[in-house]
Amino acid sequence: MATVHVPSLLRDLTGNADQVDVPLPVGTQITVGELLVQLDGRYPGFSTRLLYFGDLMPGIAVFVDGQQGFMKLQEKLGAASHVHFLPPIAGG
């Protein structure tokens, strides 16, 4: 089961849950992109807010098990991965 830590900008889609668990098929390994498909099925609009023309929006980082996923949507998840989507932060 993967645990997705939901950024505050997406919590309106998850009933204000700050994290959600996504069951993974036993013995298989999925990617972040496939995880987003599952999340979008449970929380319509989830991937729409993160994707732009089929890739993560510029500035959004994905971390899997505490490590930045430079392969972004192609990053592989383990059986009990923790996934964080970090939106860009503006300020001055």
N, C-alpha and C. Protein backbone atom coordinates (compact mmCIF):
# COMPACT_ATOMS: atom_id res chain seq x y z
N MET A 1 0.85 -1.17 0.00
CA MET A 1 0.00 0.00 0.00
C MET A 1 0.90 1.24 0.00
N ALA A 2 0.66 2.13 -0.92
CA ALA A 2 1.40 3.39 -0.98
C ALA A 2 0.65 4.44 -0.18
N THR A 3 1.41 5.27 0.51
CA THR A 3 0.83 6.39 1.24
C THR A 3 1.18 7.66 0.50
N VAL A 4 0.16 8.41 0.13
CA VAL A 4 0.36 9.67 -0.58
C VAL A 4 0.09 10.81 0.38
N HIS A 5 1.08 11.66 0.56
CA HIS A 5 0.94 12.84 1.41
C HIS A 5 0.40 13.96 0.53
N VAL A 6 -0.79 14.42 0.84
CA VAL A 6 -1.53 15.33 -0.02
C VAL A 6 -1.18 16.78 0.33
N PRO A 7 -0.68 17.55 -0.67
CA PRO A 7 -0.40 18.96 -0.40
C PRO A 7 -1.70 19.72 -0.10
N SER A 8 -1.59 20.78 0.66
CA SER A 8 -2.77 21.52 1.10
C SER A 8 -3.63 22.00 -0.06
N LEU A 9 -3.03 22.29 -1.20
CA LEU A 9 -3.80 22.78 -2.36
C LEU A 9 -4.70 21.71 -2.97
N LEU A 10 -4.50 20.44 -2.60
CA LEU A 10 -5.31 19.36 -3.16
C LEU A 10 -6.24 18.72 -2.13
N ARG A 11 -6.19 19.18 -0.92
CA ARG A 11 -6.95 18.54 0.15
C ARG A 11 -8.45 18.70 0.01
N ASP A 12 -8.89 19.71 -0.73
CA ASP A 12 -10.33 19.85 -0.96
C ASP A 12 -10.87 18.64 -1.73
N LEU A 13 -10.02 17.97 -2.49
CA LEU A 13 -10.44 16.80 -3.26
C LEU A 13 -10.49 15.53 -2.40
N THR A 14 -9.74 15.51 -1.31
CA THR A 14 -9.64 14.31 -0.47
C THR A 14 -10.41 14.45 0.83
N GLY A 15 -11.35 15.39 0.89
CA GLY A 15 -12.10 15.61 2.13
C GLY A 15 -11.22 16.14 3.24
N ASN A 16 -10.22 16.94 2.86
CA ASN A 16 -9.24 17.54 3.78
C ASN A 16 -8.29 16.53 4.41
N ALA A 17 -8.22 15.33 3.87
CA ALA A 17 -7.24 14.35 4.37
C ALA A 17 -5.84 14.78 3.93
N ASP A 18 -4.90 14.76 4.87
CA ASP A 18 -3.54 15.15 4.53
C ASP A 18 -2.71 13.99 3.98
N GLN A 19 -3.25 12.78 4.09
CA GLN A 19 -2.63 11.64 3.43
C GLN A 19 -3.70 10.61 3.11
N VAL A 20 -3.47 9.86 2.03
CA VAL A 20 -4.39 8.80 1.62
C VAL A 20 -3.57 7.56 1.29
N ASP A 21 -4.15 6.41 1.56
CA ASP A 21 -3.50 5.15 1.23
C ASP A 21 -4.08 4.61 -0.06
N VAL A 22 -3.19 4.10 -0.91
CA VAL A 22 -3.61 3.54 -2.18
C VAL A 22 -3.13 2.09 -2.22
N PRO A 23 -4.06 1.12 -2.27
CA PRO A 23 -3.64 -0.28 -2.33
C PRO A 23 -2.92 -0.56 -3.64
N LEU A 24 -1.82 -1.29 -3.54
CA LEU A 24 -1.06 -1.68 -4.72
C LEU A 24 -1.25 -3.17 -4.96
N PRO A 25 -1.30 -3.58 -6.23
CA PRO A 25 -1.42 -5.01 -6.52
C PRO A 25 -0.23 -5.77 -5.93
N VAL A 26 -0.51 -6.89 -5.30
CA VAL A 26 0.53 -7.69 -4.66
C VAL A 26 1.52 -8.21 -5.71
N GLY A 27 2.80 -8.05 -5.41
CA GLY A 27 3.84 -8.58 -6.28
C GLY A 27 4.11 -7.77 -7.52
N THR A 28 3.52 -6.58 -7.63
CA THR A 28 3.77 -5.75 -8.80
C THR A 28 4.37 -4.43 -8.36
N GLN A 29 4.96 -3.75 -9.31
CA GLN A 29 5.54 -2.45 -9.03
C GLN A 29 4.91 -1.46 -10.01
N ILE A 30 4.37 -0.37 -9.47
CA ILE A 30 3.75 0.62 -10.34
C ILE A 30 4.59 1.89 -10.33
N THR A 31 4.26 2.80 -11.24
CA THR A 31 4.96 4.07 -11.32
C THR A 31 4.12 5.18 -10.69
N VAL A 32 4.74 6.32 -10.51
CA VAL A 32 4.02 7.49 -10.00
C VAL A 32 2.87 7.84 -10.95
N GLY A 33 3.10 7.73 -12.25
CA GLY A 33 2.05 8.02 -13.22
C GLY A 33 0.84 7.10 -13.06
N GLU A 34 1.10 5.81 -12.83
CA GLU A 34 0.01 4.86 -12.61
C GLU A 34 -0.69 5.13 -11.28
N LEU A 35 0.07 5.57 -10.31
CA LEU A 35 -0.52 5.95 -9.02
C LEU A 35 -1.47 7.12 -9.21
N LEU A 36 -1.09 8.10 -10.03
CA LEU A 36 -1.96 9.25 -10.28
C LEU A 36 -3.27 8.82 -10.95
N VAL A 37 -3.21 7.83 -11.82
CA VAL A 37 -4.44 7.33 -12.45
C VAL A 37 -5.37 6.77 -11.38
N GLN A 38 -4.81 6.01 -10.44
CA GLN A 38 -5.63 5.45 -9.36
C GLN A 38 -6.19 6.54 -8.46
N LEU A 39 -5.35 7.53 -8.15
CA LEU A 39 -5.81 8.65 -7.31
C LEU A 39 -6.92 9.42 -7.99
N ASP A 40 -6.79 9.63 -9.30
CA ASP A 40 -7.80 10.37 -10.03
C ASP A 40 -9.12 9.60 -10.07
N GLY A 41 -9.06 8.28 -10.07
CA GLY A 41 -10.28 7.47 -10.02
C GLY A 41 -11.01 7.64 -8.70
N ARG A 42 -10.27 7.77 -7.61
CA ARG A 42 -10.87 7.94 -6.28
C ARG A 42 -11.20 9.39 -5.98
N TYR A 43 -10.38 10.30 -6.48
CA TYR A 43 -10.53 11.72 -6.21
C TYR A 43 -10.48 12.47 -7.54
N PRO A 44 -11.60 12.53 -8.27
CA PRO A 44 -11.61 13.17 -9.58
C PRO A 44 -11.02 14.58 -9.55
N GLY A 45 -10.13 14.85 -10.49
CA GLY A 45 -9.48 16.15 -10.59
C GLY A 45 -8.09 16.18 -9.96
N PHE A 46 -7.72 15.11 -9.24
CA PHE A 46 -6.42 15.08 -8.56
C PHE A 46 -5.28 15.25 -9.57
N SER A 47 -5.27 14.41 -10.59
CA SER A 47 -4.17 14.48 -11.56
C SER A 47 -4.25 15.74 -12.41
N THR A 48 -5.46 16.24 -12.64
CA THR A 48 -5.61 17.45 -13.45
C THR A 48 -4.85 18.63 -12.85
N ARG A 49 -4.81 18.68 -11.53
CA ARG A 49 -4.12 19.78 -10.86
C ARG A 49 -2.61 19.61 -10.82
N LEU A 50 -2.14 18.41 -11.14
CA LEU A 50 -0.70 18.15 -11.10
C LEU A 50 -0.06 18.02 -12.48
N LEU A 51 -0.88 17.69 -13.48
CA LEU A 51 -0.35 17.42 -14.80
C LEU A 51 -0.59 18.56 -15.78
N TYR A 52 0.34 18.67 -16.72
CA TYR A 52 0.24 19.65 -17.80
C TYR A 52 0.76 18.98 -19.05
N PHE A 53 -0.12 18.73 -20.00
CA PHE A 53 0.22 18.04 -21.24
C PHE A 53 0.89 16.69 -20.95
N GLY A 54 0.35 15.94 -19.99
CA GLY A 54 0.81 14.59 -19.73
C GLY A 54 2.05 14.46 -18.87
N ASP A 55 2.56 15.54 -18.35
CA ASP A 55 3.73 15.50 -17.47
C ASP A 55 3.44 16.35 -16.25
N LEU A 56 4.24 16.20 -15.21
CA LEU A 56 4.04 17.04 -14.04
C LEU A 56 4.21 18.50 -14.42
N MET A 57 3.40 19.35 -13.85
CA MET A 57 3.51 20.79 -14.10
C MET A 57 4.91 21.26 -13.72
N PRO A 58 5.40 22.27 -14.43
CA PRO A 58 6.71 22.81 -14.08
C PRO A 58 6.75 23.25 -12.62
N GLY A 59 7.81 22.90 -11.96
CA GLY A 59 8.00 23.29 -10.58
C GLY A 59 7.50 22.30 -9.56
N ILE A 60 6.66 21.34 -9.97
CA ILE A 60 6.18 20.34 -9.02
C ILE A 60 7.22 19.24 -8.91
N ALA A 61 7.60 18.95 -7.69
CA ALA A 61 8.57 17.88 -7.44
C ALA A 61 7.84 16.69 -6.82
N VAL A 62 8.35 15.51 -7.10
CA VAL A 62 7.81 14.30 -6.49
C VAL A 62 8.94 13.64 -5.69
N PHE A 63 8.61 13.26 -4.47
CA PHE A 63 9.54 12.55 -3.61
C PHE A 63 8.95 11.19 -3.29
N VAL A 64 9.77 10.16 -3.45
CA VAL A 64 9.35 8.79 -3.14
C VAL A 64 10.28 8.27 -2.06
N ASP A 65 9.71 7.94 -0.93
CA ASP A 65 10.47 7.42 0.21
C ASP A 65 11.61 8.36 0.61
N GLY A 66 11.32 9.66 0.60
CA GLY A 66 12.27 10.66 1.05
C GLY A 66 13.32 11.07 0.04
N GLN A 67 13.30 10.49 -1.15
CA GLN A 67 14.26 10.83 -2.19
C GLN A 67 13.54 11.49 -3.37
N GLN A 68 14.14 12.56 -3.88
CA GLN A 68 13.52 13.23 -5.02
C GLN A 68 13.53 12.30 -6.22
N GLY A 69 12.36 12.17 -6.84
CA GLY A 69 12.21 11.31 -8.01
C GLY A 69 12.47 12.09 -9.28
N PHE A 70 13.68 11.98 -9.80
CA PHE A 70 14.03 12.74 -11.00
C PHE A 70 13.38 12.16 -12.25
N MET A 71 12.88 10.92 -12.16
CA MET A 71 12.18 10.34 -13.30
C MET A 71 10.70 10.72 -13.29
N LYS A 72 10.30 11.49 -12.30
CA LYS A 72 8.95 12.03 -12.13
C LYS A 72 7.88 10.96 -12.30
N LEU A 73 7.10 10.97 -13.38
CA LEU A 73 5.99 10.05 -13.54
C LEU A 73 6.43 8.61 -13.75
N GLN A 74 7.68 8.40 -14.16
CA GLN A 74 8.19 7.05 -14.40
C GLN A 74 8.86 6.45 -13.17
N GLU A 75 8.92 7.22 -12.09
CA GLU A 75 9.54 6.74 -10.85
C GLU A 75 8.78 5.53 -10.32
N LYS A 76 9.50 4.48 -9.95
CA LYS A 76 8.88 3.25 -9.46
C LYS A 76 8.58 3.36 -7.97
N LEU A 77 7.48 2.74 -7.57
CA LEU A 77 7.07 2.70 -6.17
C LEU A 77 7.28 1.31 -5.61
N GLY A 78 7.67 1.26 -4.35
CA GLY A 78 7.78 -0.01 -3.65
C GLY A 78 6.44 -0.39 -3.04
N ALA A 79 6.42 -1.54 -2.37
CA ALA A 79 5.17 -2.06 -1.80
C ALA A 79 4.59 -1.15 -0.72
N ALA A 80 5.43 -0.37 -0.04
CA ALA A 80 4.94 0.50 1.04
C ALA A 80 5.54 1.90 0.92
N SER A 81 5.59 2.41 -0.29
CA SER A 81 6.21 3.72 -0.53
C SER A 81 5.40 4.86 0.04
N HIS A 82 6.11 5.93 0.39
CA HIS A 82 5.51 7.20 0.79
C HIS A 82 5.81 8.19 -0.33
N VAL A 83 4.76 8.82 -0.84
CA VAL A 83 4.89 9.72 -1.99
C VAL A 83 4.45 11.12 -1.58
N HIS A 84 5.28 12.09 -1.92
CA HIS A 84 4.97 13.50 -1.66
C HIS A 84 5.01 14.25 -2.98
N PHE A 85 3.98 15.06 -3.24
CA PHE A 85 3.99 15.98 -4.37
C PHE A 85 4.18 17.37 -3.79
N LEU A 86 5.26 18.03 -4.16
CA LEU A 86 5.55 19.36 -3.62
C LEU A 86 5.36 20.41 -4.71
N PRO A 87 4.36 21.27 -4.52
CA PRO A 87 4.13 22.35 -5.50
C PRO A 87 5.19 23.43 -5.35
N PRO A 88 5.35 24.24 -6.38
CA PRO A 88 6.30 25.35 -6.26
C PRO A 88 5.83 26.35 -5.22
N ILE A 89 6.77 27.00 -4.60
CA ILE A 89 6.45 27.99 -3.58
C ILE A 89 6.86 29.35 -4.10
N ALA A 90 5.92 30.26 -4.10
CA ALA A 90 6.22 31.63 -4.54
C ALA A 90 6.41 32.53 -3.34
N GLY A 91 7.12 33.55 -3.52
CA GLY A 91 7.32 34.48 -2.42
C GLY A 91 8.38 35.48 -2.79
N GLY A 92 8.68 36.29 -1.85
CA GLY A 92 9.68 37.30 -2.18
C GLY A 92 10.39 37.81 -0.97
